[in-house]
């Protein structure tokens, strides 16, 4: 066990302790997805480590609730980018390696492309030839959406 693993295990355990305060003994399994704002107004939060700290708390939550211990990750600005899934492997460098090195933290903020992509990815897919057959039962999905600012469009009903 590496020192990083120990840090994450402490965070996972603290999620469990907090749940027990509310007499929740059985944790419901769900799918966890997260979208991180990479618009320009977030640059300071990435630079000072706040996004990394938040991500570590998110991962501890996912390890407790997610059905497979991985988070489907997205980055958004005026578009949406699917990222490598996040897990306990490499969590201390995930933000730097998968966001800061791959994307510039700049530009505007549009929520609708992110919402659409996440909803599309969460829907059960038809099985069988030509999409026929039964659809799998839909697992509950928790979506964590991290942003600091206002959407560029308040009328997002939508024409984009």
N, C-alpha and C. Protein backbone atom coordinates (compact mmCIF):
# COMPACT_ATOMS: atom_id res chain seq x y z
N UNK A 1 0.84 -1.18 0.00
CA UNK A 1 0.00 0.00 0.00
C UNK A 1 0.88 1.23 0.00
N UNK A 2 0.63 2.12 -0.94
CA UNK A 2 1.38 3.36 -1.03
C UNK A 2 0.77 4.41 -0.11
N UNK A 3 1.53 5.45 0.18
CA UNK A 3 1.04 6.54 1.04
C UNK A 3 -0.20 7.19 0.44
N UNK A 4 -0.25 7.34 -0.89
CA UNK A 4 -1.42 7.94 -1.53
C UNK A 4 -2.67 7.10 -1.30
N UNK A 5 -2.51 5.74 -1.34
CA UNK A 5 -3.65 4.86 -1.11
C UNK A 5 -4.19 5.05 0.30
N UNK A 6 -3.31 5.22 1.27
CA UNK A 6 -3.71 5.42 2.65
C UNK A 6 -4.51 6.72 2.79
N UNK A 7 -4.08 7.79 2.13
CA UNK A 7 -4.81 9.06 2.17
C UNK A 7 -6.23 8.88 1.65
N UNK A 8 -6.38 8.19 0.52
CA UNK A 8 -7.70 7.99 -0.07
C UNK A 8 -8.55 7.11 0.83
N UNK A 9 -7.97 6.06 1.40
CA UNK A 9 -8.73 5.19 2.29
C UNK A 9 -9.27 5.95 3.49
N UNK A 10 -8.51 6.88 4.03
CA UNK A 10 -8.98 7.70 5.15
C UNK A 10 -10.20 8.52 4.72
N UNK A 11 -10.15 9.08 3.51
CA UNK A 11 -11.26 9.88 3.01
C UNK A 11 -12.49 9.01 2.78
N UNK A 12 -12.30 7.81 2.23
CA UNK A 12 -13.41 6.89 2.00
C UNK A 12 -14.04 6.51 3.34
N UNK A 13 -13.21 6.22 4.32
CA UNK A 13 -13.72 5.87 5.65
C UNK A 13 -14.49 7.02 6.27
N UNK A 14 -14.04 8.26 6.05
CA UNK A 14 -14.76 9.40 6.64
C UNK A 14 -16.13 9.57 6.01
N UNK A 15 -16.30 9.20 4.73
CA UNK A 15 -17.62 9.23 4.12
C UNK A 15 -18.54 8.26 4.86
N UNK A 16 -18.01 7.06 5.17
CA UNK A 16 -18.80 6.08 5.90
C UNK A 16 -19.15 6.54 7.30
N UNK A 17 -18.21 7.18 7.98
CA UNK A 17 -18.49 7.69 9.32
C UNK A 17 -19.58 8.75 9.30
N UNK A 18 -19.54 9.63 8.33
CA UNK A 18 -20.57 10.66 8.21
C UNK A 18 -21.95 10.06 7.95
N UNK A 19 -22.01 9.01 7.15
CA UNK A 19 -23.29 8.36 6.88
C UNK A 19 -23.85 7.72 8.13
N UNK A 20 -22.98 7.13 8.95
CA UNK A 20 -23.46 6.46 10.16
C UNK A 20 -24.06 7.45 11.15
N UNK A 21 -23.64 8.70 11.13
CA UNK A 21 -24.23 9.73 11.98
C UNK A 21 -25.73 9.88 11.70
N UNK A 22 -26.14 9.57 10.48
CA UNK A 22 -27.53 9.71 10.07
C UNK A 22 -28.24 8.36 9.99
N UNK A 23 -27.66 7.35 10.67
CA UNK A 23 -28.23 6.00 10.72
C UNK A 23 -28.41 5.37 9.34
N UNK A 24 -27.51 5.69 8.44
CA UNK A 24 -27.53 5.06 7.12
C UNK A 24 -26.50 3.95 7.15
N UNK A 25 -26.98 2.71 7.20
CA UNK A 25 -26.06 1.59 7.32
C UNK A 25 -25.75 0.94 5.99
N UNK A 26 -26.68 1.04 5.05
CA UNK A 26 -26.49 0.42 3.74
C UNK A 26 -26.36 1.53 2.70
N UNK A 27 -25.25 1.53 2.00
CA UNK A 27 -25.00 2.57 1.01
C UNK A 27 -25.56 2.12 -0.34
N UNK A 28 -26.47 2.91 -0.91
CA UNK A 28 -27.03 2.52 -2.20
C UNK A 28 -25.96 2.61 -3.30
N UNK A 29 -25.92 1.62 -4.17
CA UNK A 29 -24.97 1.64 -5.27
C UNK A 29 -25.56 2.43 -6.43
N UNK A 30 -24.72 3.23 -7.06
CA UNK A 30 -25.17 4.05 -8.19
C UNK A 30 -23.98 4.29 -9.11
N UNK A 31 -24.25 4.93 -10.18
CA UNK A 31 -23.19 5.35 -11.09
C UNK A 31 -22.90 6.81 -10.79
N UNK A 32 -21.62 7.15 -10.66
CA UNK A 32 -21.23 8.52 -10.37
C UNK A 32 -20.53 9.10 -11.59
N UNK A 33 -20.96 10.29 -11.99
CA UNK A 33 -20.35 11.02 -13.10
C UNK A 33 -20.01 12.41 -12.58
N UNK A 34 -18.98 13.01 -13.14
CA UNK A 34 -18.60 14.36 -12.72
C UNK A 34 -18.19 15.19 -13.92
N UNK A 35 -18.58 16.46 -13.88
CA UNK A 35 -18.20 17.41 -14.91
C UNK A 35 -17.48 18.58 -14.25
N UNK A 36 -16.30 18.89 -14.76
CA UNK A 36 -15.48 19.97 -14.20
C UNK A 36 -15.38 21.12 -15.20
N UNK A 37 -15.67 22.29 -14.72
CA UNK A 37 -15.60 23.52 -15.50
C UNK A 37 -14.13 23.84 -15.80
N UNK A 38 -13.80 24.02 -17.08
CA UNK A 38 -12.43 24.40 -17.45
C UNK A 38 -12.41 25.77 -18.13
N UNK A 39 -13.41 26.59 -17.82
CA UNK A 39 -13.46 27.93 -18.38
C UNK A 39 -12.43 28.83 -17.70
N UNK A 40 -12.18 29.97 -18.30
CA UNK A 40 -11.14 30.89 -17.82
C UNK A 40 -11.29 31.31 -16.38
N UNK A 41 -12.52 31.49 -15.91
CA UNK A 41 -12.71 31.95 -14.53
C UNK A 41 -12.27 30.92 -13.50
N UNK A 42 -12.06 29.68 -13.94
CA UNK A 42 -11.63 28.61 -13.03
C UNK A 42 -10.11 28.51 -12.91
N UNK A 43 -9.36 29.25 -13.71
CA UNK A 43 -7.90 29.07 -13.76
C UNK A 43 -7.23 29.21 -12.39
N UNK A 44 -7.65 30.17 -11.60
CA UNK A 44 -7.07 30.34 -10.28
C UNK A 44 -7.34 29.16 -9.36
N UNK A 45 -8.52 28.56 -9.48
CA UNK A 45 -8.88 27.42 -8.64
C UNK A 45 -8.09 26.16 -9.02
N UNK A 46 -7.75 26.04 -10.29
CA UNK A 46 -6.87 24.95 -10.71
C UNK A 46 -5.46 25.22 -10.21
N UNK A 47 -4.99 26.44 -10.39
CA UNK A 47 -3.61 26.80 -10.02
C UNK A 47 -3.35 26.68 -8.53
N UNK A 48 -4.32 27.04 -7.69
CA UNK A 48 -4.06 26.99 -6.24
C UNK A 48 -4.37 25.64 -5.61
N UNK A 49 -4.81 24.67 -6.41
CA UNK A 49 -5.03 23.31 -5.90
C UNK A 49 -6.44 23.03 -5.39
N UNK A 50 -7.33 24.02 -5.42
CA UNK A 50 -8.69 23.79 -4.93
C UNK A 50 -9.43 22.72 -5.72
N UNK A 51 -9.25 22.70 -7.03
CA UNK A 51 -9.93 21.69 -7.85
C UNK A 51 -9.41 20.30 -7.50
N UNK A 52 -8.11 20.16 -7.30
CA UNK A 52 -7.54 18.86 -6.92
C UNK A 52 -8.10 18.40 -5.58
N UNK A 53 -8.18 19.29 -4.61
CA UNK A 53 -8.73 18.92 -3.29
C UNK A 53 -10.19 18.48 -3.41
N UNK A 54 -10.95 19.21 -4.20
CA UNK A 54 -12.36 18.86 -4.42
C UNK A 54 -12.46 17.51 -5.11
N UNK A 55 -11.61 17.29 -6.10
CA UNK A 55 -11.59 16.02 -6.82
C UNK A 55 -11.31 14.85 -5.87
N UNK A 56 -10.41 15.02 -4.94
CA UNK A 56 -10.10 13.94 -3.99
C UNK A 56 -11.30 13.61 -3.12
N UNK A 57 -12.06 14.63 -2.70
CA UNK A 57 -13.28 14.38 -1.94
C UNK A 57 -14.31 13.67 -2.82
N UNK A 58 -14.40 14.07 -4.06
CA UNK A 58 -15.30 13.44 -5.02
C UNK A 58 -14.96 11.96 -5.18
N UNK A 59 -13.71 11.67 -5.32
CA UNK A 59 -13.29 10.29 -5.51
C UNK A 59 -13.60 9.46 -4.27
N UNK A 60 -13.43 10.00 -3.09
CA UNK A 60 -13.79 9.28 -1.86
C UNK A 60 -15.28 8.96 -1.86
N UNK A 61 -16.10 9.92 -2.28
CA UNK A 61 -17.54 9.71 -2.40
C UNK A 61 -17.82 8.57 -3.38
N UNK A 62 -17.18 8.62 -4.53
CA UNK A 62 -17.40 7.60 -5.57
C UNK A 62 -16.99 6.22 -5.09
N UNK A 63 -15.91 6.13 -4.36
CA UNK A 63 -15.45 4.83 -3.87
C UNK A 63 -16.48 4.22 -2.91
N UNK A 64 -17.24 5.04 -2.26
CA UNK A 64 -18.27 4.57 -1.33
C UNK A 64 -19.57 4.23 -2.05
N UNK A 65 -19.96 5.01 -3.05
CA UNK A 65 -21.26 4.87 -3.69
C UNK A 65 -21.24 4.22 -5.06
N UNK A 66 -20.21 4.46 -5.84
CA UNK A 66 -20.21 4.03 -7.24
C UNK A 66 -20.20 2.52 -7.34
N UNK A 67 -20.90 2.01 -8.35
CA UNK A 67 -21.02 0.57 -8.52
C UNK A 67 -19.71 -0.11 -8.90
N UNK A 68 -18.76 0.62 -9.46
CA UNK A 68 -17.48 -0.01 -9.81
C UNK A 68 -16.26 0.78 -9.31
N UNK A 69 -16.46 1.79 -8.47
CA UNK A 69 -15.34 2.55 -7.91
C UNK A 69 -14.64 3.45 -8.90
N UNK A 70 -15.32 3.77 -9.99
CA UNK A 70 -14.76 4.67 -10.99
C UNK A 70 -15.76 5.77 -11.28
N UNK A 71 -15.24 6.93 -11.64
CA UNK A 71 -16.11 8.05 -11.98
C UNK A 71 -15.93 8.35 -13.47
N UNK A 72 -17.05 8.43 -14.19
CA UNK A 72 -17.00 8.90 -15.57
C UNK A 72 -16.80 10.40 -15.49
N UNK A 73 -15.74 10.89 -16.10
CA UNK A 73 -15.35 12.29 -15.96
C UNK A 73 -15.52 13.04 -17.27
N UNK A 74 -15.88 14.31 -17.13
CA UNK A 74 -16.05 15.21 -18.26
C UNK A 74 -15.44 16.56 -17.88
N UNK A 75 -14.96 17.27 -18.89
CA UNK A 75 -14.51 18.65 -18.72
C UNK A 75 -15.37 19.49 -19.67
N UNK A 76 -15.76 20.67 -19.23
CA UNK A 76 -16.58 21.50 -20.09
C UNK A 76 -16.17 22.96 -20.02
N UNK A 77 -16.38 23.63 -21.13
CA UNK A 77 -16.27 25.09 -21.25
C UNK A 77 -17.46 25.47 -22.12
N UNK A 78 -17.24 25.82 -23.38
CA UNK A 78 -18.38 26.00 -24.27
C UNK A 78 -18.71 24.71 -25.01
N UNK A 79 -17.89 23.69 -24.80
CA UNK A 79 -18.10 22.35 -25.34
C UNK A 79 -17.92 21.34 -24.23
N UNK A 80 -17.95 20.09 -24.59
CA UNK A 80 -17.82 19.00 -23.61
C UNK A 80 -16.73 18.03 -24.07
N UNK A 81 -15.93 17.56 -23.14
CA UNK A 81 -14.84 16.64 -23.42
C UNK A 81 -14.95 15.46 -22.46
N UNK A 82 -15.02 14.24 -23.02
CA UNK A 82 -14.99 13.04 -22.18
C UNK A 82 -13.55 12.80 -21.77
N UNK A 83 -13.35 12.48 -20.51
CA UNK A 83 -12.02 12.24 -19.98
C UNK A 83 -11.85 10.77 -19.61
N UNK A 84 -10.63 10.40 -19.31
CA UNK A 84 -10.35 9.08 -18.77
C UNK A 84 -11.11 8.93 -17.46
N UNK A 85 -11.64 7.72 -17.20
CA UNK A 85 -12.33 7.52 -15.92
C UNK A 85 -11.36 7.77 -14.78
N UNK A 86 -11.90 8.22 -13.68
CA UNK A 86 -11.09 8.45 -12.48
C UNK A 86 -11.31 7.31 -11.51
N UNK A 87 -10.23 6.86 -10.92
CA UNK A 87 -10.29 5.80 -9.91
C UNK A 87 -9.20 6.08 -8.89
N UNK A 88 -9.02 5.16 -7.97
CA UNK A 88 -7.99 5.39 -6.97
C UNK A 88 -6.59 5.38 -7.58
N UNK A 89 -6.44 4.79 -8.75
CA UNK A 89 -5.15 4.74 -9.43
C UNK A 89 -4.80 6.14 -9.96
N UNK A 90 -3.75 6.71 -9.46
CA UNK A 90 -3.27 7.99 -9.96
C UNK A 90 -4.09 9.20 -9.56
N UNK A 91 -4.87 9.09 -8.51
CA UNK A 91 -5.77 10.20 -8.17
C UNK A 91 -5.04 11.46 -7.75
N UNK A 92 -3.83 11.35 -7.23
CA UNK A 92 -3.09 12.54 -6.79
C UNK A 92 -2.64 13.41 -7.97
N UNK A 93 -2.56 12.83 -9.16
CA UNK A 93 -2.12 13.59 -10.33
C UNK A 93 -3.20 13.68 -11.42
N UNK A 94 -4.40 13.21 -11.14
CA UNK A 94 -5.43 13.15 -12.17
C UNK A 94 -5.72 14.52 -12.78
N UNK A 95 -5.92 15.52 -11.97
CA UNK A 95 -6.28 16.85 -12.47
C UNK A 95 -5.16 17.42 -13.33
N UNK A 96 -3.94 17.31 -12.85
CA UNK A 96 -2.81 17.83 -13.62
C UNK A 96 -2.65 17.09 -14.95
N UNK A 97 -2.71 15.76 -14.91
CA UNK A 97 -2.45 14.95 -16.11
C UNK A 97 -3.61 14.96 -17.11
N UNK A 98 -4.84 14.95 -16.63
CA UNK A 98 -5.99 14.79 -17.52
C UNK A 98 -6.71 16.08 -17.86
N UNK A 99 -6.42 17.15 -17.13
CA UNK A 99 -7.08 18.42 -17.43
C UNK A 99 -6.06 19.51 -17.71
N UNK A 100 -5.23 19.83 -16.74
CA UNK A 100 -4.33 20.97 -16.90
C UNK A 100 -3.34 20.80 -18.04
N UNK A 101 -2.85 19.60 -18.26
CA UNK A 101 -1.89 19.39 -19.36
C UNK A 101 -2.55 19.23 -20.72
N UNK A 102 -3.82 18.85 -20.73
CA UNK A 102 -4.51 18.59 -22.00
C UNK A 102 -5.35 19.76 -22.50
N UNK A 103 -5.80 20.59 -21.59
CA UNK A 103 -6.71 21.69 -21.96
C UNK A 103 -6.18 22.99 -21.39
N UNK A 104 -6.41 24.06 -22.09
CA UNK A 104 -6.16 25.37 -21.52
C UNK A 104 -7.36 25.72 -20.64
N UNK A 105 -7.12 26.25 -19.50
CA UNK A 105 -8.22 26.65 -18.62
C UNK A 105 -8.58 28.08 -19.02
N UNK A 106 -9.43 28.19 -20.03
CA UNK A 106 -9.82 29.51 -20.54
C UNK A 106 -11.12 29.38 -21.33
N UNK A 107 -11.61 30.48 -21.80
CA UNK A 107 -12.83 30.46 -22.59
C UNK A 107 -14.07 30.66 -21.75
N UNK A 108 -15.21 30.45 -22.38
CA UNK A 108 -16.49 30.70 -21.74
C UNK A 108 -17.07 29.46 -21.08
N UNK A 109 -18.32 29.58 -20.65
CA UNK A 109 -19.00 28.50 -19.94
C UNK A 109 -20.37 28.27 -20.54
N UNK A 110 -20.62 27.05 -20.98
CA UNK A 110 -21.95 26.65 -21.46
C UNK A 110 -22.29 25.32 -20.79
N UNK A 111 -23.40 25.31 -20.08
CA UNK A 111 -23.82 24.09 -19.38
C UNK A 111 -24.50 23.07 -20.30
N UNK A 112 -25.27 23.55 -21.28
CA UNK A 112 -26.12 22.63 -22.04
C UNK A 112 -25.37 21.50 -22.75
N UNK A 113 -24.22 21.73 -23.40
CA UNK A 113 -23.54 20.59 -24.03
C UNK A 113 -23.12 19.53 -23.01
N UNK A 114 -22.71 19.97 -21.83
CA UNK A 114 -22.31 19.02 -20.79
C UNK A 114 -23.52 18.22 -20.30
N UNK A 115 -24.61 18.92 -20.02
CA UNK A 115 -25.82 18.23 -19.55
C UNK A 115 -26.30 17.20 -20.57
N UNK A 116 -26.33 17.61 -21.83
CA UNK A 116 -26.80 16.69 -22.88
C UNK A 116 -25.94 15.44 -22.97
N UNK A 117 -24.63 15.61 -22.98
CA UNK A 117 -23.72 14.47 -23.12
C UNK A 117 -23.84 13.53 -21.93
N UNK A 118 -23.91 14.07 -20.73
CA UNK A 118 -24.00 13.24 -19.53
C UNK A 118 -25.31 12.46 -19.51
N UNK A 119 -26.41 13.10 -19.86
CA UNK A 119 -27.70 12.42 -19.91
C UNK A 119 -27.67 11.32 -20.97
N UNK A 120 -27.12 11.65 -22.12
CA UNK A 120 -27.02 10.65 -23.20
C UNK A 120 -26.20 9.45 -22.75
N UNK A 121 -25.08 9.67 -22.10
CA UNK A 121 -24.23 8.58 -21.64
C UNK A 121 -24.88 7.77 -20.51
N UNK A 122 -25.77 8.38 -19.74
CA UNK A 122 -26.40 7.69 -18.61
C UNK A 122 -27.58 6.82 -19.05
N UNK A 123 -28.15 7.08 -20.21
CA UNK A 123 -29.30 6.31 -20.68
C UNK A 123 -28.88 4.88 -20.98
N UNK A 124 -29.74 3.92 -20.65
CA UNK A 124 -29.41 2.53 -21.00
C UNK A 124 -29.42 2.35 -22.50
N UNK A 125 -28.54 1.52 -22.98
CA UNK A 125 -28.44 1.26 -24.41
C UNK A 125 -29.27 0.02 -24.76
N UNK A 126 -29.90 0.06 -25.90
CA UNK A 126 -30.66 -1.10 -26.37
C UNK A 126 -29.69 -2.25 -26.62
N UNK A 127 -30.15 -3.45 -26.32
CA UNK A 127 -29.34 -4.63 -26.54
C UNK A 127 -29.87 -5.41 -27.74
N UNK A 128 -29.05 -6.27 -28.26
CA UNK A 128 -29.50 -7.13 -29.34
C UNK A 128 -29.24 -6.52 -30.70
N UNK A 129 -29.52 -7.31 -31.71
CA UNK A 129 -29.32 -6.91 -33.09
C UNK A 129 -30.26 -5.75 -33.43
N UNK A 130 -29.73 -4.71 -34.02
CA UNK A 130 -30.48 -3.53 -34.43
C UNK A 130 -31.16 -2.82 -33.26
N UNK A 131 -30.59 -2.96 -32.06
CA UNK A 131 -31.14 -2.25 -30.91
C UNK A 131 -32.43 -2.85 -30.38
N UNK A 132 -32.73 -4.07 -30.79
CA UNK A 132 -33.95 -4.69 -30.28
C UNK A 132 -33.64 -5.47 -29.01
N UNK A 133 -34.63 -5.97 -28.38
CA UNK A 133 -34.44 -6.71 -27.15
C UNK A 133 -34.70 -5.83 -25.95
N UNK A 134 -34.53 -6.40 -24.81
CA UNK A 134 -34.84 -5.65 -23.60
C UNK A 134 -33.72 -4.67 -23.27
N UNK A 135 -34.11 -3.59 -22.66
CA UNK A 135 -33.11 -2.63 -22.21
C UNK A 135 -32.76 -2.98 -20.77
N UNK A 136 -31.51 -2.80 -20.39
CA UNK A 136 -31.12 -3.11 -19.02
C UNK A 136 -31.79 -2.13 -18.05
N UNK A 137 -31.96 -2.58 -16.82
CA UNK A 137 -32.53 -1.70 -15.81
C UNK A 137 -31.61 -0.51 -15.62
N UNK A 138 -32.20 0.66 -15.48
CA UNK A 138 -31.42 1.87 -15.34
C UNK A 138 -30.95 2.02 -13.90
N UNK A 139 -29.66 2.09 -13.71
CA UNK A 139 -29.10 2.30 -12.38
C UNK A 139 -29.22 3.77 -12.02
N UNK A 140 -29.41 4.06 -10.76
CA UNK A 140 -29.42 5.48 -10.38
C UNK A 140 -28.08 6.11 -10.74
N UNK A 141 -28.13 7.34 -11.17
CA UNK A 141 -26.92 8.05 -11.54
C UNK A 141 -26.85 9.34 -10.75
N UNK A 142 -25.68 9.59 -10.16
CA UNK A 142 -25.42 10.83 -9.44
C UNK A 142 -24.44 11.62 -10.30
N UNK A 143 -24.80 12.87 -10.60
CA UNK A 143 -23.93 13.72 -11.41
C UNK A 143 -23.47 14.90 -10.54
N UNK A 144 -22.17 15.05 -10.45
CA UNK A 144 -21.57 16.15 -9.70
C UNK A 144 -21.05 17.15 -10.73
N UNK A 145 -21.50 18.37 -10.62
CA UNK A 145 -21.22 19.39 -11.62
C UNK A 145 -20.49 20.53 -10.92
N UNK A 146 -19.23 20.71 -11.26
CA UNK A 146 -18.39 21.70 -10.59
C UNK A 146 -18.16 22.92 -11.47
N UNK A 147 -18.62 24.07 -11.00
CA UNK A 147 -18.43 25.31 -11.73
C UNK A 147 -18.39 26.46 -10.74
N UNK A 148 -17.82 27.56 -11.16
CA UNK A 148 -17.77 28.74 -10.29
C UNK A 148 -18.57 29.90 -10.86
N UNK A 149 -19.08 29.73 -12.06
CA UNK A 149 -19.63 30.92 -12.71
C UNK A 149 -20.96 30.72 -13.36
N UNK A 150 -21.41 31.77 -13.95
CA UNK A 150 -22.69 31.77 -14.62
C UNK A 150 -22.57 31.20 -16.02
N UNK A 151 -23.63 30.61 -16.45
CA UNK A 151 -23.74 30.10 -17.80
C UNK A 151 -23.73 31.29 -18.77
N UNK A 152 -23.12 31.13 -19.94
CA UNK A 152 -23.12 32.21 -20.93
C UNK A 152 -24.52 32.55 -21.40
N UNK A 153 -25.40 31.56 -21.37
CA UNK A 153 -26.76 31.78 -21.87
C UNK A 153 -27.76 31.44 -20.78
N UNK A 154 -28.64 32.37 -20.49
CA UNK A 154 -29.67 32.11 -19.49
C UNK A 154 -30.90 31.49 -20.13
N UNK A 155 -30.99 31.53 -21.46
CA UNK A 155 -32.15 30.99 -22.18
C UNK A 155 -31.81 29.64 -22.78
N UNK A 156 -31.10 28.84 -22.10
CA UNK A 156 -30.50 27.61 -22.61
C UNK A 156 -31.52 26.58 -23.07
N UNK A 157 -32.69 26.92 -23.44
CA UNK A 157 -33.75 25.99 -23.81
C UNK A 157 -33.56 25.29 -25.15
N UNK A 158 -33.28 25.63 -26.23
CA UNK A 158 -31.99 25.87 -26.71
C UNK A 158 -31.85 25.78 -28.18
N UNK A 159 -31.03 26.62 -28.66
CA UNK A 159 -30.79 26.69 -30.10
C UNK A 159 -29.36 26.35 -30.47
N UNK A 160 -28.56 25.92 -29.53
CA UNK A 160 -27.16 25.61 -29.89
C UNK A 160 -26.93 24.19 -30.05
